Protein backbone atom coordinates (compact mmCIF):
# COMPACT_ATOMS: atom_id res chain seq x y z
CA MET A 1 -73.97 -14.32 -7.13
CA THR A 2 -72.65 -15.38 -3.82
CA TYR A 3 -71.96 -13.08 -0.92
CA PRO A 4 -69.32 -12.03 -0.33
CA PRO A 5 -68.05 -11.96 -3.92
CA GLY A 6 -65.30 -14.38 -4.77
CA ASN A 7 -61.74 -13.45 -5.37
CA PRO A 8 -61.24 -12.64 -9.02
CA TYR A 9 -57.95 -14.50 -8.91
CA GLY A 10 -59.54 -17.74 -7.73
CA GLY A 11 -60.86 -19.18 -4.54
CA GLY A 12 -57.59 -18.95 -2.68
CA ASN A 13 -55.53 -16.04 -1.53
CA PRO A 14 -53.69 -14.62 -4.53
CA TYR A 15 -50.63 -14.11 -2.31
CA GLY A 16 -50.43 -17.76 -1.37
CA GLY A 17 -51.98 -17.45 2.07
CA GLN A 18 -54.92 -19.24 3.58
CA PRO A 19 -58.23 -19.35 1.82
CA GLN A 20 -60.79 -16.69 2.67
CA PRO A 21 -63.15 -17.30 5.53
CA GLY A 22 -66.37 -19.04 4.80
CA TYR A 23 -69.70 -17.56 3.98
CA GLY A 24 -71.05 -15.18 6.62
CA GLN A 25 -67.68 -14.67 8.25
CA PRO A 26 -65.92 -11.36 8.01
CA PRO A 27 -62.96 -11.30 5.66
CA GLY A 28 -59.59 -11.99 7.15
CA ASN A 29 -57.09 -9.31 8.03
CA PRO A 30 -54.49 -9.21 5.27
CA TYR A 31 -51.84 -8.61 7.93
CA GLY A 32 -52.64 -11.84 9.70
CA GLN A 33 -54.58 -10.40 12.66
CA PRO A 34 -58.27 -11.18 12.95
CA GLN A 35 -60.67 -8.24 12.89
CA PRO A 36 -63.34 -7.75 15.55
CA GLY A 37 -66.37 -10.00 15.24
CA TYR A 38 -68.60 -9.43 12.27
CA GLY A 39 -71.50 -7.04 13.00
CA GLN A 40 -69.93 -5.83 16.25
CA PRO A 41 -69.05 -2.15 16.54
CA PRO A 42 -65.39 -1.37 17.01
CA PRO A 43 -64.24 -0.71 20.57
CA GLY A 44 -65.29 2.71 21.84
CA TYR A 45 -67.87 3.16 19.08
CA GLY A 46 -70.20 6.09 19.92
CA GLN A 47 -67.93 7.25 22.74
CA PRO A 48 -66.29 10.67 22.54
CA PRO A 49 -62.56 10.64 22.04
CA PRO A 50 -60.43 11.04 25.17
CA GLY A 51 -60.47 14.60 26.46
CA TYR A 52 -63.45 15.59 24.29
CA GLY A 53 -65.01 18.81 25.60
CA GLN A 54 -62.14 19.34 28.02
CA PRO A 55 -59.91 22.42 27.72
CA PRO A 56 -56.39 21.75 26.49
CA PRO A 57 -53.71 21.36 29.16
CA GLY A 58 -52.78 24.64 30.77
CA TYR A 59 -55.83 26.49 29.40
CA GLY A 60 -56.56 29.59 31.49
CA GLN A 61 -53.28 29.21 33.36
CA GLN A 62 -50.71 31.95 33.44
CA PRO A 63 -47.57 31.20 31.44
CA PRO A 64 -44.57 30.24 33.54
CA TYR A 65 -42.42 33.06 34.84
CA GLY A 66 -39.96 34.11 32.23
CA GLY A 67 -41.98 32.59 29.39
CA PRO A 68 -42.97 34.38 26.21
CA PRO A 69 -45.40 37.30 26.67
CA PRO A 70 -49.00 36.89 25.51
CA GLN A 71 -49.75 37.96 21.98
CA GLY A 72 -52.10 40.93 22.61
CA ALA A 73 -55.14 41.22 24.87
CA PRO A 74 -57.86 38.58 24.62
CA SER A 75 -60.95 39.50 22.66
CA GLY A 76 -63.25 41.78 24.65
CA VAL A 77 -60.55 42.81 27.13
CA PRO A 78 -59.43 46.46 26.82
CA ALA A 79 -55.78 47.11 26.23
CA THR A 80 -53.68 48.44 29.09
CA LEU A 81 -52.64 52.04 28.46
CA ASN A 82 -49.42 53.84 29.35
CA PRO A 83 -48.04 57.36 28.79
CA GLN A 84 -46.95 56.45 25.27
CA SER A 85 -50.22 54.84 24.17
CA LEU A 86 -52.55 57.45 25.70
CA PRO A 87 -53.85 59.97 23.15
CA ASP A 88 -52.84 63.63 23.09
CA ASP A 89 -55.75 65.98 23.77
CA ASP A 90 -58.35 63.42 22.77
CA ASN A 91 -60.87 61.00 24.23
CA VAL A 92 -59.66 57.72 25.75
CA ASN A 93 -63.29 56.58 25.57
CA PRO A 94 -66.60 58.50 25.53
CA TYR A 95 -66.31 59.22 29.26
CA VAL A 96 -62.61 60.01 29.78
CA PHE A 97 -60.49 62.69 28.14
CA CYS A 98 -56.69 62.86 28.12
CA ILE A 99 -55.02 66.26 28.24
CA ALA A 100 -51.39 66.36 27.07
CA LEU A 101 -50.40 68.95 29.65
CA ASN A 102 -47.47 71.19 28.85
CA GLY A 103 -47.99 74.30 30.91
CA GLU A 104 -51.25 75.33 32.59
CA TRP A 105 -54.92 74.44 32.25
CA PHE A 106 -57.96 75.52 34.26
CA MET A 107 -59.84 72.51 35.65
CA SER A 108 -62.92 72.13 37.83
CA LYS A 109 -62.41 70.51 41.21
CA GLY A 110 -63.06 66.78 41.19
CA ALA A 111 -62.57 66.33 37.44
CA MET A 112 -59.09 64.79 37.73
CA LEU A 113 -59.12 60.98 37.55
CA ALA A 114 -55.40 60.19 37.26
CA TYR A 115 -52.23 61.49 35.66
CA TYR A 116 -48.76 60.57 34.49
CA GLY A 117 -45.85 62.93 34.88
CA ASN A 118 -45.10 65.92 37.08
CA ILE A 119 -48.35 67.85 37.59
CA GLN A 120 -49.34 70.20 40.40
CA PHE A 121 -52.82 71.44 41.29
CA ASP A 122 -53.39 74.82 42.95
CA ALA A 123 -56.61 76.60 43.80
CA VAL A 124 -57.34 79.51 41.48
CA THR A 125 -57.66 81.81 44.48
CA GLU A 126 -54.11 80.95 45.60
CA TYR A 127 -52.52 80.72 42.16
CA SER A 128 -53.83 84.13 41.11
CA SER A 129 -51.87 85.76 43.94
CA VAL A 130 -48.56 84.74 42.32
CA GLN A 131 -49.64 84.69 38.65
CA ALA A 132 -51.36 87.87 37.56
CA TRP A 133 -52.58 86.37 34.28
CA VAL A 134 -54.94 84.06 36.19
CA ALA A 135 -56.97 86.97 37.52
CA ASN A 136 -57.21 88.38 33.99
CA ARG A 137 -58.42 85.05 32.57
CA PHE A 138 -60.77 83.93 35.33
CA SER A 139 -63.24 86.67 36.23
CA SER A 140 -66.12 84.78 37.84
CA PRO A 141 -66.20 85.35 41.60
CA VAL A 142 -69.19 83.04 42.04
CA TYR A 143 -67.26 80.01 40.70
CA ILE A 144 -63.68 80.86 41.55
CA GLN A 145 -63.53 78.55 44.58
CA ASP A 146 -64.67 75.58 42.44
CA TRP A 147 -61.64 75.70 40.11
CA VAL A 148 -57.96 74.84 40.18
CA VAL A 149 -54.97 75.44 37.94
CA ALA A 150 -53.21 72.29 36.75
CA GLN A 151 -49.60 73.03 35.84
CA GLY A 152 -46.71 70.84 34.75
CA HIS A 153 -45.98 68.19 32.13
CA GLY A 154 -47.67 64.84 31.60
CA LYS A 155 -50.87 63.07 30.65
CA LEU A 156 -53.90 64.21 32.65
CA LEU A 157 -57.09 62.09 32.64
CA ILE A 158 -60.36 63.80 33.50
CA GLY A 159 -63.98 62.67 33.76
CA ASP A 160 -67.36 63.71 35.13
CA ARG A 161 -69.73 61.17 36.77
CA GLY A 162 -69.57 58.85 33.78
CA PHE A 163 -71.11 61.53 31.54
CA ASP A 164 -70.06 61.90 27.91
CA LEU A 165 -67.03 64.17 27.47
CA ASN A 166 -66.33 66.24 24.38
CA ALA A 167 -63.64 68.76 23.46
CA TYR A 168 -64.50 71.92 21.55
CA ASP A 169 -62.31 74.51 19.87
CA LEU A 170 -63.18 78.20 19.97
CA ASP A 171 -61.75 80.35 17.21
CA ASP A 172 -62.05 83.97 18.26
CA GLY A 173 -65.55 83.21 19.46
CA ASN A 174 -67.69 83.18 22.55
CA LEU A 175 -69.67 80.38 24.09
CA THR A 176 -71.89 80.35 27.14
CA ILE A 177 -72.12 76.99 28.89
CA LYS A 178 -73.70 75.54 31.99
CA ALA A 179 -71.07 75.99 34.70
CA SER A 180 -71.64 72.56 36.22
CA ASN A 181 -70.82 70.89 32.87
CA LEU A 182 -67.60 72.77 32.13
CA CYS A 183 -64.71 70.48 33.12
CA ALA A 184 -61.58 72.22 31.86
CA PHE A 185 -60.31 74.88 29.45
CA SER A 186 -56.95 76.08 28.18
CA LYS A 187 -55.42 79.24 29.60
CA GLN A 188 -55.78 81.03 26.25
CA LEU A 189 -59.52 81.35 26.91
CA GLU A 190 -61.08 83.89 29.23
CA LEU A 191 -63.94 82.92 31.53
CA LYS A 192 -66.59 85.46 32.57
CA GLN A 193 -69.74 85.28 34.63
CA SER A 194 -72.88 85.04 32.49
CA ILE A 195 -75.94 87.15 33.22
CA VAL A 196 -77.95 83.90 33.09
CA PRO A 197 -77.70 82.21 36.52
CA GLY A 198 -75.79 78.92 36.48
CA PHE A 199 -73.87 79.70 33.27
CA VAL A 200 -70.42 81.05 32.42
CA THR A 201 -69.04 82.47 29.18
CA LEU A 202 -65.78 81.53 27.44
CA ILE A 203 -64.21 84.09 25.10
CA GLY A 204 -61.22 83.89 22.76
CA THR A 205 -59.32 81.16 20.94
CA GLY A 206 -58.58 77.85 22.65
CA LYS A 207 -59.91 74.45 23.69
CA PHE A 208 -62.39 73.50 26.38
CA ILE A 209 -63.87 70.21 27.59
CA ALA A 210 -67.48 69.83 28.67
CA SER A 211 -69.62 66.95 29.89
CA SER A 212 -73.15 66.10 28.89
CA ASN A 213 -75.71 63.63 30.15
CA GLY A 214 -75.89 61.75 26.87
CA PRO A 215 -74.75 62.84 23.40
CA VAL A 216 -74.85 66.53 22.48
CA ILE A 217 -77.11 67.79 19.71
CA PHE A 218 -76.79 71.15 17.97
CA VAL A 219 -79.72 73.28 16.84
CA GLU A 220 -80.21 76.74 15.37
CA PRO A 221 -82.52 79.57 16.51
CA PRO A 222 -85.34 80.39 16.67
CA PHE A 223 -85.68 77.73 19.31
CA ARG A 224 -87.03 77.11 22.81
CA ALA A 225 -85.26 74.75 25.19
CA ASP A 226 -85.94 73.12 28.52
CA PRO A 227 -83.54 74.80 31.00
CA ASP A 228 -82.41 71.41 32.34
CA ALA A 229 -81.64 70.05 28.86
CA LEU A 230 -79.85 73.21 27.78
CA LEU A 231 -76.06 72.85 27.75
CA GLY A 232 -75.06 76.15 26.21
CA TRP A 233 -75.13 78.47 23.21
CA ALA A 234 -72.50 80.00 20.93
CA ASP A 235 -72.35 83.23 18.95
CA CYS A 236 -75.94 84.19 19.62
CA PRO A 237 -77.71 86.55 22.05
CA SER A 238 -78.56 85.39 25.55
CA PRO A 239 -82.01 83.79 25.77
CA SER A 240 -85.11 85.29 27.24
CA VAL A 241 -87.39 83.31 29.52
CA HIS A 242 -90.71 82.20 28.09
CA HIS A 243 -93.52 81.22 30.45
CA ASP A 244 -96.38 79.11 29.14
CA ALA A 245 -99.18 80.67 31.20
CA GLN A 246 -101.83 78.54 29.50
CA TRP A 247 -100.13 75.32 30.55
CA MET A 248 -99.81 76.56 34.12
CA THR A 249 -103.46 77.60 34.38
CA GLN A 250 -104.65 74.28 32.98
CA ASN A 251 -102.38 72.20 35.16
CA ILE A 252 -102.80 72.28 38.93
CA ARG A 253 -99.34 70.91 39.51
CA GLY A 254 -97.90 73.65 37.31
CA MET A 255 -99.72 76.31 39.32
CA ILE A 256 -98.37 74.91 42.60
CA SER A 257 -94.86 74.64 41.22
CA GLY A 258 -94.97 78.18 39.90
CA ALA A 259 -96.20 79.50 43.23
CA LEU A 260 -93.31 77.76 44.99
CA GLY A 261 -90.73 79.00 42.51
CA ARG A 262 -90.29 75.68 40.69
CA ALA A 263 -90.82 75.17 37.00
CA SER A 264 -90.34 72.44 34.43
CA GLY A 265 -89.73 72.71 30.73
CA GLU A 266 -93.46 72.54 30.05
CA GLU A 267 -94.20 75.92 31.63
CA ARG A 268 -90.82 77.69 31.42
CA GLN A 269 -88.37 77.60 28.55
CA TYR A 270 -85.38 79.55 27.29
CA ASP A 271 -86.31 81.37 24.10
CA PHE A 272 -83.49 81.87 21.55
CA THR A 273 -83.61 84.28 18.61
CA GLY A 274 -81.07 85.59 16.13
CA GLN A 275 -78.09 83.71 14.70
CA GLY A 276 -75.89 81.13 16.39
CA THR A 277 -75.81 77.57 17.68
CA ILE A 278 -77.52 75.99 20.70
CA LEU A 279 -76.12 72.93 22.48
CA LEU A 280 -78.53 70.46 24.07
CA GLN A 281 -77.79 67.37 26.11
CA SER A 282 -79.93 64.26 25.71
CA SER A 283 -81.38 64.33 29.20
CA GLU A 284 -83.13 66.73 31.55
CA ILE A 285 -81.20 65.48 34.57
CA ALA A 286 -79.29 68.49 35.84
CA ARG A 287 -76.22 68.39 38.05
CA GLU A 288 -76.48 70.20 41.37
CA ASP A 289 -74.51 73.43 41.13
CA PRO A 290 -73.16 74.52 44.55
CA ALA A 291 -72.43 78.01 43.26
CA VAL A 292 -76.13 78.68 42.67
CA LEU A 293 -76.79 78.53 46.41
CA ARG A 294 -73.98 80.99 47.06
CA LEU A 295 -75.34 83.28 44.36
CA VAL A 296 -78.87 83.20 45.78
CA GLU A 297 -77.61 83.75 49.32
CA SER A 298 -75.69 86.82 48.22
CA GLN A 299 -78.85 88.23 46.65
CA THR A 300 -80.90 87.77 49.82
CA GLN A 301 -79.01 90.69 51.31
CA LEU A 302 -81.22 92.92 49.15
CA LEU A 303 -84.40 91.63 50.81
CA THR A 304 -86.18 93.31 53.66
CA ASN A 305 -86.83 91.29 56.79
CA ALA A 306 -90.45 90.75 55.75
CA GLN A 307 -89.38 89.59 52.29
CA ALA A 308 -86.77 87.28 53.75
CA GLY A 309 -89.38 85.72 56.03
CA SER A 310 -91.76 85.19 53.12
CA LEU A 311 -88.99 83.61 51.08
CA GLY A 312 -88.13 81.30 53.97
CA GLN A 313 -91.72 80.08 54.18
CA ARG A 314 -91.78 79.33 50.46
CA LEU A 315 -88.53 77.39 50.66
CA VAL A 316 -89.83 75.31 53.55
CA ALA A 317 -93.06 74.56 51.65
CA ARG A 318 -91.04 73.59 48.59
CA ALA A 319 -88.83 71.21 50.58
CA GLN A 320 -91.91 69.57 52.06
CA GLN A 321 -93.42 69.10 48.59
CA GLN A 322 -90.37 67.09 47.55
CA HIS A 323 -90.74 64.52 50.35
């Protein structure tokens, strides 16, 4: 058999054209144009097509003014919010909460991030002079200067240092919470000073918003908690303080810390008994509470001069230990 095979209709072109090229020559183009040389790659063989790997024209460019709007946000880009798309009394994300304000809310100073609408902020100390109900709802003199009343109508965004924010509903209950983590609460709730330093108690029916350094976990008594990790407790008796004397005697650092008035969760815990729920945050990093200093300063009035001098020496020694 010869190569290439012969034409089954005879040696010539069945359409009356010229005979096929000779042996070893590429077959003729039926349209009368010669093909590229036999065994040679076509032009551009192995080369990428024009524009290969290049973005299409106009990629990444803004559409011309007056052109059609983009179809949604690109993947991975958060949507832009407005008063209509913001949630009502719910989280915008784990770190920001949106209050649909229609009246008054109590809010800690510095918690406001932004707002839509007509909202006014007044210090609790000033607002209580013209609204008697404020004095009945907020009865914590230690913390009163750290709170404001937000009044008006709109969407109010609050946050706290990038901590997780959660809303809780009280139904004719009581909850004691670390004062530095309480961000806001509705005016239906009543706030009182807790007997445990650094904590306040909410009583009644309403909503409050609290921050936590990490997600919140809930446990039941009997339970012992590190004071720095403790966020609060609901519907159970106030805790007692448990000191682990054995740990302190076996640990030199614990003995020094105890002598200087400092303690960690290893040697001092809050001991819970009875029925109820305990709230813990996922970290022992505590927020500095400015009201604690005011509370301690007020108590120093009960000290004698000798006791005040001794306390001063301990505080100086403690400050030096931290450097």
